[in-house]
Amino acid sequence: MERLRVALLSYRSKPTCGGQGVYLRHITRELVALGHHVEVFSGQPYPELDEGVILNKVPSLDLYRDEDPFRTPKLAEYRDWIDFLEVGTMWTAGFPEPLTFSIRAHRELKKRIGDFDVVQDNQTLGYGVLGIQKHFPVVGTIHHPISVDRRIELEAAEGWAKLSKRRWYGFVRMQAYVAARLKPILTVSESSIADIHRDFDVPQSNLRLIPLGVDTRFFHPRPELGRRKGSIVAVASADSPMKGVATLLRAVAKLSTERDVNLTIVSKPTPGGPTEQLVAELSLHDRVKFVHGITDDELGTLIATSEISVVPSLYEGFSLPAVEHMACGTPLIASRTGALPEVVGDAAVMVTPGDPEELAATLLRLHDSPAEREEYGKRGFDRVMERYAWPVVARKTVEAYREAIAAR
């Protein structure tokens, strides 16, 4: 097979607990393993990449860094008009990164015409991508349309917060416009195909289904370590309403009145934010622990030594955490929403999203039934081994690259 030269764009690539960064690391590693030349163009936070993958840093002003979010840059930091556009959009309550990164990436790739056979855009969908498309075949990637996040967060907001959220998600209209002009677009589930077609008006004939994979070097059963009694684990962005952490906390609060349980959430909640407030309100300080910044191996160990795992989301376009939980052989409870039923099949216990009573009852049932936990753990592991492996994802992705090149 002919060796391809691939440029992969990602406007932010958080290495842990961020789907874009996790996807980027694994797909690039496997593309290189297949013999292709791969260069990543990314804004901050920069990705962790494996040997053989080249990182081209496309720095923004990094206005949302964890230690100083919504910061005001010093005058000396401004380099050009794009920086002023970035700050101006933030100051008027918008989210500028998809647009400003795409403009910067277009500028960088114009210097590299002839260096790449194909460009893959990892859910940026900024206007600059259409400029890149004039010079290179472009394959789009949409794990799920952000319009779904927008809808859920607007439903959860009230008063001025609703107006603020509406402005923040203003970039979604741009993403819909760009998505409708890319072919093919890769997505991860039949559920996402339906959502992208509905919300972004992308013809279904332009969409290609390629599920995400799991890195079984880190996510696998660890029977020699045993499981921690009463332990529950979730990998979910703590302050995003869409991830259902509030539902999980309320369910654990109810369960803890009847059983000795503890919950570990892999995330970093905002100090004094809604999640920390709810933990205090429910008096869960001695039952709930948040961890962040851990390695893949530490995360795999945490999941594999937990008795029960939960994906309590109100919506998922795929859910890599669900696949990681199953790969570790840890019995899974997942919301019956979005792509989750499709991803887990009969290998997880399904519950109604946003219903803490039902989730608490299900947690209680699994807590009291070692045999049922063992059965669901085995089903999950078997399902992952059959369906979700990164080398398969990479080969299918290369087929999409060749389709885009041939169409060009």
Protein backbone atom coordinates (compact mmCIF):
# COMPACT_ATOMS: atom_id res chain seq x y z
CA MET A 1 0.00 0.00 0.00
CA GLU A 2 1.22 3.47 -0.91
CA ARG A 3 2.55 5.50 2.06
CA LEU A 4 0.41 8.58 2.75
CA ARG A 5 1.53 11.93 4.17
CA VAL A 6 -1.15 12.98 6.65
CA ALA A 7 -1.74 16.30 8.43
CA LEU A 8 -4.11 16.02 11.38
CA LEU A 9 -5.71 19.18 12.83
CA SER A 10 -6.97 19.51 16.41
CA TYR A 11 -7.77 22.89 17.93
CA ARG A 12 -7.26 21.59 21.49
CA SER A 13 -5.88 18.20 22.42
CA LYS A 14 -6.07 17.69 26.18
CA PRO A 15 -4.18 14.44 26.74
CA THR A 16 -6.42 13.02 29.51
CA CYS A 17 -10.16 13.21 30.04
CA GLY A 18 -10.74 14.87 26.69
CA GLY A 19 -12.06 12.83 23.78
CA GLN A 20 -10.25 14.84 21.10
CA GLY A 21 -6.80 14.39 22.65
CA VAL A 22 -7.33 10.70 23.41
CA TYR A 23 -8.51 10.03 19.86
CA LEU A 24 -5.60 12.01 18.42
CA ARG A 25 -2.95 10.06 20.31
CA HIS A 26 -4.28 6.62 19.40
CA ILE A 27 -5.19 7.22 15.76
CA THR A 28 -1.80 8.84 15.00
CA ARG A 29 0.13 6.02 16.69
CA GLU A 30 -1.70 3.38 14.66
CA LEU A 31 -1.36 5.34 11.38
CA VAL A 32 2.42 5.47 11.92
CA ALA A 33 2.40 1.74 12.74
CA LEU A 34 0.79 1.18 9.31
CA GLY A 35 3.75 3.00 7.72
CA HIS A 36 2.23 6.44 7.06
CA HIS A 37 3.87 9.83 7.73
CA VAL A 38 1.78 11.76 10.27
CA GLU A 39 2.08 15.36 11.47
CA VAL A 40 -0.28 16.91 14.02
CA PHE A 41 -1.15 20.62 14.02
CA SER A 42 -2.61 21.52 17.43
CA GLY A 43 -3.39 24.44 19.67
CA GLN A 44 -3.09 24.32 23.47
CA PRO A 45 -3.43 22.18 25.47
CA TYR A 46 -1.00 20.20 23.32
CA PRO A 47 -1.41 16.45 22.90
CA GLU A 48 0.74 13.62 24.19
CA LEU A 49 1.90 11.76 21.08
CA ASP A 50 3.80 8.54 20.58
CA GLU A 51 7.15 8.09 18.90
CA GLY A 52 7.15 8.74 15.16
CA VAL A 53 4.34 11.34 15.20
CA ILE A 54 5.45 14.94 14.55
CA LEU A 55 3.81 17.77 16.53
CA ASN A 56 3.54 21.22 14.94
CA LYS A 57 2.45 23.66 17.65
CA VAL A 58 -0.08 26.26 16.47
CA PRO A 59 -0.25 28.42 19.61
CA SER A 60 -3.31 30.39 20.56
CA LEU A 61 -3.34 32.88 23.43
CA ASP A 62 -4.41 29.91 25.61
CA LEU A 63 -7.24 31.90 27.16
CA TYR A 64 -8.80 28.88 28.90
CA ARG A 65 -5.76 27.31 30.59
CA ASP A 66 -6.70 25.35 33.70
CA GLU A 67 -4.71 27.53 36.09
CA ASP A 68 -5.98 30.87 34.70
CA PRO A 69 -9.21 30.54 32.70
CA PHE A 70 -10.65 33.57 30.86
CA ARG A 71 -7.37 35.40 31.42
CA THR A 72 -6.52 38.84 29.99
CA PRO A 73 -3.29 38.63 27.94
CA LYS A 74 -0.56 41.24 28.32
CA LEU A 75 -0.16 43.62 25.38
CA ALA A 76 3.21 42.06 24.49
CA GLU A 77 1.50 38.69 23.90
CA TYR A 78 -0.50 39.91 20.90
CA ARG A 79 1.12 38.82 17.62
CA ASP A 80 -1.45 39.60 14.92
CA TRP A 81 -5.09 40.32 14.14
CA ILE A 82 -6.13 36.74 14.90
CA ASP A 83 -5.09 37.24 18.54
CA PHE A 84 -7.26 40.36 18.76
CA LEU A 85 -10.17 38.41 17.23
CA GLU A 86 -9.64 35.66 19.82
CA VAL A 87 -9.70 38.00 22.81
CA GLY A 88 -12.55 40.10 21.41
CA THR A 89 -14.72 36.99 20.97
CA MET A 90 -13.98 35.83 24.53
CA TRP A 91 -14.71 39.29 25.95
CA THR A 92 -18.10 39.24 24.23
CA ALA A 93 -18.90 35.82 25.79
CA GLY A 94 -18.15 33.73 22.67
CA PHE A 95 -15.84 30.74 22.27
CA PRO A 96 -13.25 31.65 19.61
CA GLU A 97 -10.91 28.64 19.41
CA PRO A 98 -12.46 26.62 16.54
CA LEU A 99 -12.47 29.70 14.29
CA THR A 100 -9.11 31.19 15.27
CA PHE A 101 -7.30 27.84 15.22
CA SER A 102 -8.68 27.07 11.76
CA ILE A 103 -7.40 30.42 10.44
CA ARG A 104 -3.95 29.82 11.94
CA ALA A 105 -3.88 26.23 10.60
CA HIS A 106 -4.79 27.50 7.13
CA ARG A 107 -1.90 29.96 7.33
CA GLU A 108 0.53 27.20 8.37
CA LEU A 109 -0.61 24.68 5.75
CA LYS A 110 -0.37 27.23 2.92
CA LYS A 111 3.39 27.17 3.62
CA ARG A 112 3.37 23.37 3.22
CA ILE A 113 1.56 22.86 -0.10
CA GLY A 114 2.92 19.68 -1.64
CA ASP A 115 3.96 18.22 1.74
CA PHE A 116 0.73 16.31 2.46
CA ASP A 117 -1.57 13.98 0.54
CA VAL A 118 -4.56 14.52 2.85
CA VAL A 119 -5.65 16.61 5.86
CA GLN A 120 -7.92 15.27 8.61
CA ASP A 121 -9.78 17.83 10.72
CA ASN A 122 -10.52 16.59 14.25
CA GLN A 123 -13.82 18.42 14.95
CA THR A 124 -12.53 22.00 14.46
CA LEU A 125 -14.94 22.78 11.61
CA GLY A 126 -13.82 26.42 11.43
CA TYR A 127 -14.03 28.57 8.32
CA GLY A 128 -10.26 28.23 7.83
CA VAL A 129 -10.79 24.52 7.06
CA LEU A 130 -12.60 25.55 3.87
CA GLY A 131 -9.49 27.54 2.92
CA ILE A 132 -7.35 24.44 3.53
CA GLN A 133 -9.71 22.46 1.31
CA LYS A 134 -8.64 24.62 -1.65
CA HIS A 135 -5.13 23.16 -1.39
CA PHE A 136 -5.64 19.62 0.03
CA PRO A 137 -8.25 16.87 0.20
CA VAL A 138 -9.87 17.23 3.65
CA VAL A 139 -11.50 14.47 5.69
CA GLY A 140 -13.73 15.75 8.50
CA THR A 141 -14.22 14.12 11.90
CA ILE A 142 -17.24 14.77 14.12
CA HIS A 143 -17.45 12.55 17.19
CA HIS A 144 -20.85 14.11 17.83
CA PRO A 145 -22.29 17.51 16.83
CA ILE A 146 -21.76 20.17 19.53
CA SER A 147 -25.33 21.27 18.80
CA VAL A 148 -26.39 18.48 21.20
CA ASP A 149 -24.24 19.94 24.03
CA ARG A 150 -25.72 23.34 23.23
CA ARG A 151 -29.30 22.04 23.46
CA ILE A 152 -28.70 20.25 26.80
CA GLU A 153 -26.84 23.16 28.42
CA LEU A 154 -29.48 25.69 27.30
CA GLU A 155 -32.20 23.51 28.83
CA ALA A 156 -30.26 23.43 32.12
CA ALA A 157 -29.59 27.22 32.18
CA GLU A 158 -31.85 30.00 33.44
CA GLY A 159 -32.03 33.78 33.06
CA TRP A 160 -28.81 35.53 32.07
CA ALA A 161 -26.99 32.18 32.06
CA LYS A 162 -29.17 31.08 29.15
CA LEU A 163 -28.23 34.18 27.13
CA SER A 164 -24.57 33.66 27.97
CA LYS A 165 -24.68 29.99 26.89
CA ARG A 166 -26.42 30.92 23.65
CA ARG A 167 -23.60 33.35 22.84
CA TRP A 168 -20.88 30.85 23.94
CA TYR A 169 -22.22 28.26 21.52
CA GLY A 170 -22.39 30.74 18.62
CA PHE A 171 -19.59 28.80 16.86
CA VAL A 172 -21.98 25.86 16.27
CA ARG A 173 -23.58 27.67 13.32
CA MET A 174 -20.12 27.94 11.70
CA GLN A 175 -19.45 24.25 12.34
CA ALA A 176 -22.71 23.28 10.63
CA TYR A 177 -21.83 25.45 7.61
CA VAL A 178 -18.35 23.90 7.27
CA ALA A 179 -19.51 20.32 7.91
CA ALA A 180 -22.00 20.52 5.06
CA ARG A 181 -19.07 21.25 2.70
CA LEU A 182 -16.76 18.37 3.73
CA LYS A 183 -16.76 14.86 2.29
CA PRO A 184 -16.30 12.33 3.71
CA ILE A 185 -16.91 12.98 7.40
CA LEU A 186 -15.97 10.27 9.88
CA THR A 187 -18.17 9.67 12.91
CA VAL A 188 -18.39 7.04 15.58
CA SER A 189 -21.95 5.69 15.75
CA GLU A 190 -25.27 5.39 13.96
CA SER A 191 -26.64 7.74 16.62
CA SER A 192 -24.09 10.41 15.67
CA ILE A 193 -24.84 9.91 11.96
CA ALA A 194 -28.51 10.69 12.65
CA ASP A 195 -27.63 13.71 14.86
CA ILE A 196 -25.15 15.21 12.36
CA HIS A 197 -27.62 14.75 9.51
CA ARG A 198 -30.41 16.39 11.53
CA ASP A 199 -28.50 19.26 13.19
CA PHE A 200 -25.81 20.04 10.59
CA ASP A 201 -27.78 19.13 7.45
CA VAL A 202 -24.97 16.85 6.23
CA PRO A 203 -26.18 14.26 3.69
CA GLN A 204 -25.98 10.77 5.21
CA SER A 205 -24.14 9.67 2.06
CA ASN A 206 -21.23 11.93 3.15
CA LEU A 207 -20.88 10.25 6.56
CA ARG A 208 -18.69 7.21 7.30
CA LEU A 209 -19.11 5.13 10.46
CA ILE A 210 -15.80 4.25 12.15
CA PRO A 211 -16.16 3.44 15.88
CA LEU A 212 -13.45 4.52 18.30
CA GLY A 213 -10.97 2.01 19.67
CA VAL A 214 -9.52 1.26 23.09
CA ASP A 215 -5.85 0.89 24.05
CA THR A 216 -5.76 -2.60 25.54
CA ARG A 217 -2.14 -2.09 26.64
CA PHE A 218 -3.59 -0.10 29.54
CA PHE A 219 -7.27 -1.01 29.68
CA HIS A 220 -7.53 -4.69 30.51
CA PRO A 221 -8.60 -6.85 33.48
CA ARG A 222 -6.16 -7.06 36.41
CA PRO A 223 -7.44 -10.04 38.43
CA GLU A 224 -4.21 -10.26 40.40
CA LEU A 225 -5.02 -6.89 42.05
CA GLY A 226 -8.57 -7.74 43.10
CA ARG A 227 -11.33 -5.14 43.45
CA ARG A 228 -11.81 -2.54 46.17
CA LYS A 229 -14.96 -3.33 48.17
CA GLY A 230 -17.83 -0.91 47.53
CA SER A 231 -15.88 1.05 44.90
CA ILE A 232 -17.64 2.89 42.07
CA VAL A 233 -15.78 4.73 39.28
CA ALA A 234 -16.79 7.25 36.59
CA VAL A 235 -14.74 9.12 34.00
CA ALA A 236 -16.71 12.28 33.25
CA SER A 237 -16.21 16.04 32.96
CA ALA A 238 -17.43 17.08 36.41
CA ASP A 239 -19.05 20.42 35.59
CA SER A 240 -20.61 19.61 32.21
CA PRO A 241 -24.37 19.08 32.71
CA MET A 242 -24.34 16.71 29.74
CA LYS A 243 -22.12 14.20 31.56
CA GLY A 244 -24.70 13.54 34.29
CA VAL A 245 -22.34 13.81 37.28
CA ALA A 246 -25.07 15.47 39.37
CA THR A 247 -27.33 12.46 38.79
CA LEU A 248 -24.54 10.10 39.86
CA LEU A 249 -23.77 12.09 43.02
CA ARG A 250 -27.44 12.07 44.06
CA ALA A 251 -27.66 8.32 43.42
CA VAL A 252 -24.52 7.64 45.49
CA ALA A 253 -25.85 9.86 48.30
CA LYS A 254 -29.01 7.73 48.41
CA LEU A 255 -27.08 4.45 48.19
CA SER A 256 -24.63 5.46 50.93
CA THR A 257 -27.47 5.57 53.47
CA GLU A 258 -27.86 1.80 52.95
CA ARG A 259 -24.41 0.50 51.93
CA ASP A 260 -20.76 1.34 52.55
CA VAL A 261 -19.72 2.66 49.11
CA ASN A 262 -17.22 5.14 47.73
CA LEU A 263 -17.09 6.94 44.38
CA THR A 264 -14.03 8.03 42.39
CA ILE A 265 -14.64 10.52 39.56
CA VAL A 266 -11.80 11.05 37.10
CA SER A 267 -12.13 14.78 36.52
CA LYS A 268 -11.12 18.15 37.97
CA PRO A 269 -14.17 20.09 39.17
CA THR A 270 -14.08 23.89 39.22
CA PRO A 271 -13.21 25.08 42.75
CA GLY A 272 -16.46 26.29 44.29
CA GLY A 273 -18.35 25.27 41.13
CA PRO A 274 -21.67 23.41 40.84
CA THR A 275 -20.19 19.95 41.40
CA GLU A 276 -18.23 20.91 44.52
CA GLN A 277 -21.33 22.68 45.84
CA LEU A 278 -23.46 19.58 45.28
CA VAL A 279 -20.91 17.33 47.04
CA ALA A 280 -21.12 19.65 50.05
CA GLU A 281 -24.91 19.87 49.90
CA LEU A 282 -25.18 16.05 49.87
CA SER A 283 -22.51 15.66 52.62
CA LEU A 284 -20.46 13.36 50.39
CA HIS A 285 -16.95 14.63 51.20
CA ASP A 286 -15.94 11.33 52.81
CA ARG A 287 -17.53 9.24 50.04
CA VAL A 288 -16.41 10.99 46.83
CA LYS A 289 -12.89 11.56 45.51
CA PHE A 290 -11.86 13.43 42.36
CA VAL A 291 -8.62 12.51 40.61
CA HIS A 292 -7.03 14.09 37.54
CA GLY A 293 -3.74 14.14 35.66
CA ILE A 294 -3.18 10.40 36.04
CA THR A 295 -1.48 8.22 33.43
CA ASP A 296 -3.33 5.76 31.19
CA ASP A 297 -1.83 2.92 33.20
CA GLU A 298 -3.04 4.44 36.49
CA LEU A 299 -6.49 5.02 34.98
CA GLY A 300 -6.64 1.42 33.72
CA THR A 301 -5.67 0.17 37.19
CA LEU A 302 -8.28 2.40 38.86
CA ILE A 303 -11.05 1.11 36.60
CA ALA A 304 -9.96 -2.55 36.75
CA THR A 305 -9.89 -2.52 40.57
CA SER A 306 -13.35 -0.90 40.93
CA GLU A 307 -16.42 -3.04 41.55
CA ILE A 308 -18.80 -0.98 39.38
CA SER A 309 -18.33 1.64 36.66
CA VAL A 310 -20.90 4.22 35.56
CA VAL A 311 -21.44 6.39 32.49
CA PRO A 312 -24.34 8.60 33.71
CA SER A 313 -24.40 10.96 30.69
CA LEU A 314 -27.50 12.72 29.41
CA TYR A 315 -26.08 12.20 25.90
CA GLU A 316 -23.07 10.54 24.26
CA GLY A 317 -22.07 10.47 20.61
CA PHE A 318 -19.93 7.42 21.37
CA SER A 319 -18.31 7.25 24.88
CA LEU A 320 -14.74 6.06 24.97
CA PRO A 321 -14.94 5.73 28.78
CA ALA A 322 -17.70 3.13 28.35
CA VAL A 323 -15.44 1.07 26.11
CA GLU A 324 -12.50 1.50 28.51
CA HIS A 325 -14.63 0.31 31.44
CA MET A 326 -15.73 -2.76 29.48
CA ALA A 327 -12.15 -3.49 28.35
CA CYS A 328 -11.14 -3.65 32.03
CA GLY A 329 -13.84 -6.23 32.69
CA THR A 330 -15.54 -3.86 35.14
CA PRO A 331 -19.35 -4.19 35.17
CA LEU A 332 -20.92 -1.08 33.64
CA ILE A 333 -24.09 0.91 34.26
CA ALA A 334 -24.81 3.30 31.37
CA SER A 335 -27.53 5.76 30.42
CA ARG A 336 -30.02 4.71 27.76
CA THR A 337 -29.27 7.71 25.52
CA GLY A 338 -27.46 8.77 22.35
CA ALA A 339 -25.04 6.12 21.09
CA LEU A 340 -24.60 4.34 24.43
CA PRO A 341 -27.11 1.51 23.76
CA GLU A 342 -25.42 0.93 20.41
CA VAL A 343 -21.91 0.98 21.94
CA VAL A 344 -22.58 -1.34 24.89
CA GLY A 345 -25.22 -3.66 23.43
CA ASP A 346 -26.25 -6.21 26.07
CA ALA A 347 -22.93 -5.82 27.91
CA ALA A 348 -24.08 -3.13 30.39
CA VAL A 349 -27.06 -2.43 32.63
CA MET A 350 -29.00 0.45 31.06
CA VAL A 351 -30.79 3.15 33.09
CA THR A 352 -32.87 6.23 32.32
CA PRO A 353 -30.63 9.32 31.96
CA GLY A 354 -31.08 11.94 34.66
CA ASP A 355 -32.95 9.61 37.07
CA PRO A 356 -30.99 9.32 40.36
CA GLU A 357 -33.60 7.02 41.95
CA GLU A 358 -33.29 4.40 39.21
CA LEU A 359 -29.50 4.71 39.17
CA ALA A 360 -29.33 4.27 42.96
CA ALA A 361 -31.54 1.16 42.78
CA THR A 362 -29.38 -0.30 39.99
CA LEU A 363 -26.16 0.43 41.91
CA LEU A 364 -27.67 -1.28 44.97
CA ARG A 365 -28.63 -4.34 42.91
CA LEU A 366 -25.16 -4.74 41.42
CA HIS A 367 -23.48 -4.00 44.76
CA ASP A 368 -25.39 -6.91 46.32
CA SER A 369 -24.87 -9.35 43.43
CA PRO A 370 -21.28 -10.50 42.79
CA ALA A 371 -22.53 -13.05 40.22
CA GLU A 372 -24.30 -10.37 38.16
CA ARG A 373 -21.24 -8.12 38.37
CA GLU A 374 -19.06 -10.94 37.08
CA GLU A 375 -21.47 -11.68 34.23
CA TYR A 376 -21.62 -8.07 33.02
CA GLY A 377 -17.86 -7.68 33.39
CA LYS A 378 -17.28 -10.70 31.14
CA ARG A 379 -19.86 -9.55 28.56
CA GLY A 380 -18.24 -6.13 28.37
CA PHE A 381 -14.73 -7.52 27.93
CA ASP A 382 -15.87 -9.93 25.20
CA ARG A 383 -17.68 -7.13 23.33
CA VAL A 384 -14.59 -4.90 23.30
CA MET A 385 -12.35 -7.69 22.02
CA GLU A 386 -14.79 -8.29 19.15
CA ARG A 387 -15.44 -4.68 18.09
CA TYR A 388 -13.17 -1.93 19.40
CA ALA A 389 -9.47 -2.08 18.47
CA TRP A 390 -7.35 0.89 17.29
CA PRO A 391 -5.53 -0.93 14.44
CA VAL A 392 -8.93 -1.62 12.83
CA VAL A 393 -9.94 2.04 13.30
CA ALA A 394 -6.71 3.20 11.63
CA ARG A 395 -7.15 0.94 8.58
CA LYS A 396 -10.71 2.17 8.06
CA THR A 397 -9.53 5.77 8.44
CA VAL A 398 -6.91 5.25 5.72
CA GLU A 399 -9.69 3.97 3.43
CA ALA A 400 -11.50 7.30 4.00
CA TYR A 401 -8.30 9.20 3.22
CA ARG A 402 -7.96 7.33 -0.08
CA GLU A 403 -11.61 8.07 -0.88
CA ALA A 404 -11.03 11.82 -0.35
CA ILE A 405 -7.83 11.76 -2.46
CA ALA A 406 -9.56 9.88 -5.29
CA ALA A 407 -12.51 12.30 -5.26
CA ARG A 408 -10.10 15.23 -5.45
